[in-house]
Amino acid sequence: MKDLHFTLIFLALILGAGTTLTAQVSARQQAMSRGDQPSLVLELPGAEDDDVEDLWTDWLKDTYGVKTKSTKGNKQGELSSLNFQLEGVGRGSKVDLYSRVNEVGDGSELTIWIATPAGYVSPALDQGQYVAAEKMLMNFALAVSRDQIEQDVESEEDQLSDLEKELDRLRRDKEKAEKDIVDARQKIADLEEEIRRNILDQERKQREIEEQISRVEATKRKLKGF
C-alpha cells in the first residue's frame, strides 16, 4: 500500500442478500476550509448524495459519539466532526474530521480530511493511520450498502403490496362479474317466466275476444228478428 492513490476493492455479502459491494478509496490533495490538505475519498456508486450525507452524520454519531455540523463560514457543504477519538488515528489524541459529500455520475463521493496533532492523515504522514482511516471509510461503505439494500427491500415490498392490492381488486372484479352473471341469469329466468305468462294471458285474452265476438254476433241476430 505504498501508492498514494491506493485503491481498495471490497467484496462482501451484506445481510445475507448476496450483494456485491464495490467501494474505492483514494488519497488526494484537495481544498477545504483549512486550506489545501490531504484527503481520503470514498466513491459510492449508485448511492444518492443526500442519503449518504444523512447516513454519514448518523453513522458518525452512532459509531464514535460525535456530533456533525456544517463547518462555520463554509458554503461548500463541508461538515465538521470535532474533538473525538478515532481508533488507530491520532496516536491516542483526539482528531477533527472534516467531510463533504458530492454527487458524482449516478452515485456520490465522500471526501474526508482528518486533522491530527501531527498533521492531516495521508500515506505520506503515517501509513498505519492512513490504513486505519481507510478501514473506517470501508466500514461506512458497508453501512451505505446495507442501507441501499434496506431501501431496495422496502421498494420491493412496496411493489409487492401494490401487486397484492391489484390482485385483490381483480378478485373483487371477478366476484362482481360472477354475481352480475348470476343476477343476469336470474333476470333472464324471470323474463322467460314473464314471457310464458304473457303468452298464456294472450291466449286467454284471445279466447275472451272470440267469445265476445260470438256474443256480439248473437246480439246482432236478435236485433234482426225485430
Protein backbone atom coordinates (compact mmCIF):
# COMPACT_ATOMS: atom_id res chain seq x y z
CA MET A 1 0.00 0.00 0.00
CA LYS A 2 2.78 2.45 -0.90
CA ASP A 3 0.88 4.05 -3.76
CA LEU A 4 -0.60 7.47 -2.86
CA HIS A 5 -3.61 6.59 -4.98
CA PHE A 6 -4.20 3.31 -3.22
CA THR A 7 -7.38 1.61 -4.39
CA LEU A 8 -9.25 -1.00 -2.41
CA ILE A 9 -11.93 -3.19 -3.96
CA PHE A 10 -14.07 -4.60 -1.18
CA LEU A 11 -16.30 -7.61 -1.88
CA ALA A 12 -18.73 -8.64 0.86
CA LEU A 13 -22.06 -10.32 1.43
CA ILE A 14 -24.47 -7.88 3.09
CA LEU A 15 -27.35 -9.08 5.27
CA GLY A 16 -27.25 -12.49 3.62
CA ALA A 17 -28.52 -10.94 0.39
CA GLY A 18 -25.52 -11.89 -1.70
CA THR A 19 -24.96 -8.28 -2.72
CA THR A 20 -21.52 -7.35 -4.04
CA LEU A 21 -20.23 -4.07 -2.67
CA THR A 22 -17.61 -2.30 -4.77
CA ALA A 23 -16.10 0.65 -2.94
CA GLN A 24 -12.96 2.57 -3.81
CA VAL A 25 -10.83 4.72 -1.52
CA SER A 26 -8.10 7.01 -2.78
CA ALA A 27 -5.79 9.68 -1.35
CA ARG A 28 -5.97 13.17 -2.84
CA GLN A 29 -4.83 16.71 -2.13
CA GLN A 30 -7.92 18.92 -2.04
CA ALA A 31 -9.06 22.35 -0.94
CA MET A 32 -11.21 22.67 2.18
CA SER A 33 -11.97 25.26 4.85
CA ARG A 34 -8.44 24.93 6.32
CA GLY A 35 -6.64 25.25 3.01
CA ASP A 36 -5.33 22.69 0.54
CA GLN A 37 -4.94 19.48 2.58
CA PRO A 38 -4.52 15.70 2.12
CA SER A 39 -7.84 13.88 1.99
CA LEU A 40 -9.37 10.44 1.61
CA VAL A 41 -12.09 9.97 -0.98
CA LEU A 42 -14.65 7.17 -0.87
CA GLU A 43 -16.51 6.52 -4.11
CA LEU A 44 -20.05 5.17 -3.64
CA PRO A 45 -21.59 4.16 -6.99
CA GLY A 46 -25.37 4.15 -7.04
CA ALA A 47 -25.75 5.95 -3.69
CA GLU A 48 -27.56 9.30 -3.71
CA ASP A 49 -25.61 12.14 -2.11
CA ASP A 50 -28.46 13.30 0.15
CA ASP A 51 -28.92 9.78 1.51
CA VAL A 52 -25.16 9.37 2.02
CA GLU A 53 -24.86 12.66 3.91
CA ASP A 54 -27.74 11.81 6.25
CA LEU A 55 -26.36 8.34 6.85
CA TRP A 56 -22.83 9.67 7.36
CA THR A 57 -23.81 12.06 10.17
CA ASP A 58 -25.94 9.40 11.88
CA TRP A 59 -23.21 6.77 11.48
CA LEU A 60 -20.53 9.01 13.00
CA LYS A 61 -22.77 9.72 15.98
CA ASP A 62 -23.69 6.06 16.48
CA THR A 63 -20.13 4.78 15.96
CA TYR A 64 -18.00 7.46 17.61
CA GLY A 65 -20.49 9.51 19.64
CA VAL A 66 -19.56 12.68 17.77
CA LYS A 67 -21.96 15.32 16.51
CA THR A 68 -21.54 16.54 12.96
CA LYS A 69 -22.44 20.09 11.94
CA SER A 70 -21.92 22.35 8.98
CA THR A 71 -18.47 23.94 9.07
CA LYS A 72 -18.88 27.52 10.25
CA GLY A 73 -18.40 30.01 7.44
CA ASN A 74 -18.08 27.33 4.75
CA LYS A 75 -20.55 27.47 1.85
CA GLN A 76 -19.35 24.36 0.02
CA GLY A 77 -21.37 21.87 2.06
CA GLU A 78 -18.44 20.96 4.31
CA LEU A 79 -19.22 19.22 7.61
CA SER A 80 -17.24 19.21 10.87
CA SER A 81 -16.98 16.39 13.41
CA LEU A 82 -14.68 17.76 16.09
CA ASN A 83 -12.60 16.52 19.01
CA PHE A 84 -13.24 12.77 19.13
CA GLN A 85 -11.27 9.55 19.34
CA LEU A 86 -10.79 7.68 16.06
CA GLU A 87 -9.34 4.22 16.56
CA GLY A 88 -5.90 3.83 15.01
CA VAL A 89 -5.66 7.53 14.14
CA GLY A 90 -4.04 10.37 16.11
CA ARG A 91 -1.85 8.15 18.28
CA GLY A 92 -4.14 8.48 21.28
CA SER A 93 -5.03 12.12 20.67
CA LYS A 94 -8.43 13.30 19.60
CA VAL A 95 -8.92 14.34 15.99
CA ASP A 96 -11.03 16.75 13.97
CA LEU A 97 -12.74 15.32 10.92
CA TYR A 98 -14.00 17.44 8.05
CA SER A 99 -16.11 15.94 5.31
CA ARG A 100 -18.08 16.69 2.19
CA VAL A 101 -20.47 14.62 0.07
CA ASN A 102 -20.78 15.34 -3.64
CA GLU A 103 -22.90 13.87 -6.39
CA VAL A 104 -20.74 12.07 -8.95
CA GLY A 105 -22.35 10.46 -12.01
CA ASP A 106 -25.03 8.04 -10.86
CA GLY A 107 -23.59 7.88 -7.36
CA SER A 108 -21.75 10.02 -4.84
CA GLU A 109 -18.35 10.69 -3.39
CA LEU A 110 -17.46 11.18 0.28
CA THR A 111 -14.33 13.22 0.93
CA ILE A 112 -12.83 13.43 4.42
CA TRP A 113 -9.93 15.37 5.92
CA ILE A 114 -8.67 14.12 9.30
CA ALA A 115 -6.65 16.64 11.30
CA THR A 116 -4.32 15.16 13.91
CA PRO A 117 -1.73 16.92 16.10
CA ALA A 118 0.92 15.78 13.59
CA GLY A 119 -0.97 16.89 10.51
CA TYR A 120 -3.66 15.64 8.13
CA VAL A 121 -3.87 11.88 7.65
CA SER A 122 -2.24 10.66 4.46
CA PRO A 123 0.02 7.79 3.37
CA ALA A 124 2.93 10.21 3.49
CA LEU A 125 2.22 11.29 7.09
CA ASP A 126 1.71 7.82 8.54
CA GLN A 127 0.86 4.68 6.61
CA GLY A 128 -0.70 2.93 9.62
CA GLN A 129 -3.02 5.83 10.42
CA TYR A 130 -3.98 6.11 6.77
CA VAL A 131 -4.93 2.43 6.67
CA ALA A 132 -6.99 2.86 9.87
CA ALA A 133 -8.81 5.81 8.32
CA GLU A 134 -9.33 3.82 5.15
CA LYS A 135 -10.76 0.94 7.18
CA MET A 136 -13.16 3.37 8.83
CA LEU A 137 -14.38 4.51 5.43
CA MET A 138 -14.84 0.94 4.23
CA ASN A 139 -16.92 0.20 7.33
CA PHE A 140 -19.07 3.18 6.40
CA ALA A 141 -19.28 1.85 2.84
CA LEU A 142 -20.75 -1.34 4.27
CA ALA A 143 -23.33 0.75 6.15
CA VAL A 144 -24.20 2.51 2.89
CA SER A 145 -24.58 -0.80 1.11
CA ARG A 146 -26.75 -2.12 3.93
CA ASP A 147 -28.91 1.00 3.75
CA GLN A 148 -29.24 0.63 -0.03
CA ILE A 149 -30.33 -2.98 0.41
CA GLU A 150 -32.88 -1.94 3.04
CA GLN A 151 -34.21 0.68 0.63
CA ASP A 152 -34.34 -1.94 -2.12
CA VAL A 153 -36.22 -4.30 0.19
CA GLU A 154 -38.65 -1.52 1.11
CA SER A 155 -39.13 -0.70 -2.57
CA GLU A 156 -39.69 -4.36 -3.44
CA GLU A 157 -42.13 -4.70 -0.53
CA ASP A 158 -43.99 -1.62 -1.76
CA GLN A 159 -44.21 -3.18 -5.23
CA LEU A 160 -45.37 -6.45 -3.66
CA SER A 161 -48.03 -4.54 -1.70
CA ASP A 162 -49.15 -2.82 -4.91
CA LEU A 163 -49.35 -6.17 -6.71
CA GLU A 164 -51.32 -7.70 -3.84
CA LYS A 165 -53.73 -4.74 -3.91
CA GLU A 166 -54.10 -5.20 -7.67
CA LEU A 167 -54.75 -8.90 -7.18
CA ASP A 168 -57.41 -8.09 -4.55
CA ARG A 169 -59.00 -5.66 -6.99
CA LEU A 170 -59.01 -8.29 -9.73
CA ARG A 171 -60.58 -10.80 -7.34
CA ARG A 172 -63.26 -8.30 -6.38
CA ASP A 173 -63.88 -7.58 -10.06
CA LYS A 174 -64.21 -11.32 -10.73
CA GLU A 175 -66.60 -11.77 -7.81
CA LYS A 176 -68.66 -8.82 -9.02
CA ALA A 177 -68.70 -10.19 -12.57
CA GLU A 178 -69.77 -13.61 -11.28
CA LYS A 179 -72.53 -12.00 -9.21
CA ASP A 180 -73.60 -9.98 -12.26
CA ILE A 181 -73.79 -13.23 -14.23
CA VAL A 182 -75.93 -14.87 -11.52
CA ASP A 183 -78.14 -11.79 -11.38
CA ALA A 184 -78.35 -11.73 -15.19
CA ARG A 185 -79.29 -15.40 -15.31
CA GLN A 186 -81.97 -14.82 -12.71
CA LYS A 187 -83.19 -11.82 -14.67
CA ILE A 188 -83.32 -13.95 -17.84
CA ALA A 189 -85.22 -16.66 -15.96
CA ASP A 190 -87.65 -14.05 -14.62
CA LEU A 191 -88.14 -12.60 -18.11
CA GLU A 192 -88.66 -16.05 -19.59
CA GLU A 193 -91.30 -16.75 -16.94
CA GLU A 194 -92.88 -13.39 -17.69
CA ILE A 195 -92.97 -14.27 -21.42
CA ARG A 196 -94.54 -17.65 -20.64
CA ARG A 197 -97.23 -15.97 -18.54
CA ASN A 198 -97.71 -13.32 -21.21
CA ILE A 199 -98.32 -15.98 -23.86
CA LEU A 200 -100.89 -17.67 -21.63
CA ASP A 201 -102.51 -14.31 -20.93
CA GLN A 202 -102.60 -13.58 -24.68
CA GLU A 203 -104.21 -16.97 -25.39
CA ARG A 204 -106.79 -16.39 -22.65
CA LYS A 205 -107.47 -12.90 -23.90
CA GLN A 206 -107.81 -14.21 -27.45
CA ARG A 207 -110.45 -16.71 -26.27
CA GLU A 208 -112.28 -13.92 -24.45
CA ILE A 209 -112.24 -11.83 -27.62
CA GLU A 210 -113.59 -14.73 -29.68
CA GLU A 211 -116.31 -15.33 -27.09
CA GLN A 212 -117.17 -11.65 -27.09
CA ILE A 213 -117.37 -11.65 -30.92
CA SER A 214 -119.77 -14.57 -30.72
CA ARG A 215 -121.95 -12.69 -28.23
CA VAL A 216 -121.92 -9.60 -30.44
CA GLU A 217 -122.98 -11.66 -33.48
CA ALA A 218 -125.69 -13.33 -31.44
CA THR A 219 -126.98 -9.98 -30.26
CA LYS A 220 -126.98 -8.66 -33.82
CA ARG A 221 -129.05 -11.63 -34.95
CA LYS A 222 -131.60 -10.89 -32.23
CA LEU A 223 -131.78 -7.33 -33.47
CA LYS A 224 -132.58 -8.51 -36.99
CA GLY A 225 -135.53 -10.51 -35.67
CA PHE A 226 -137.50 -7.41 -34.70
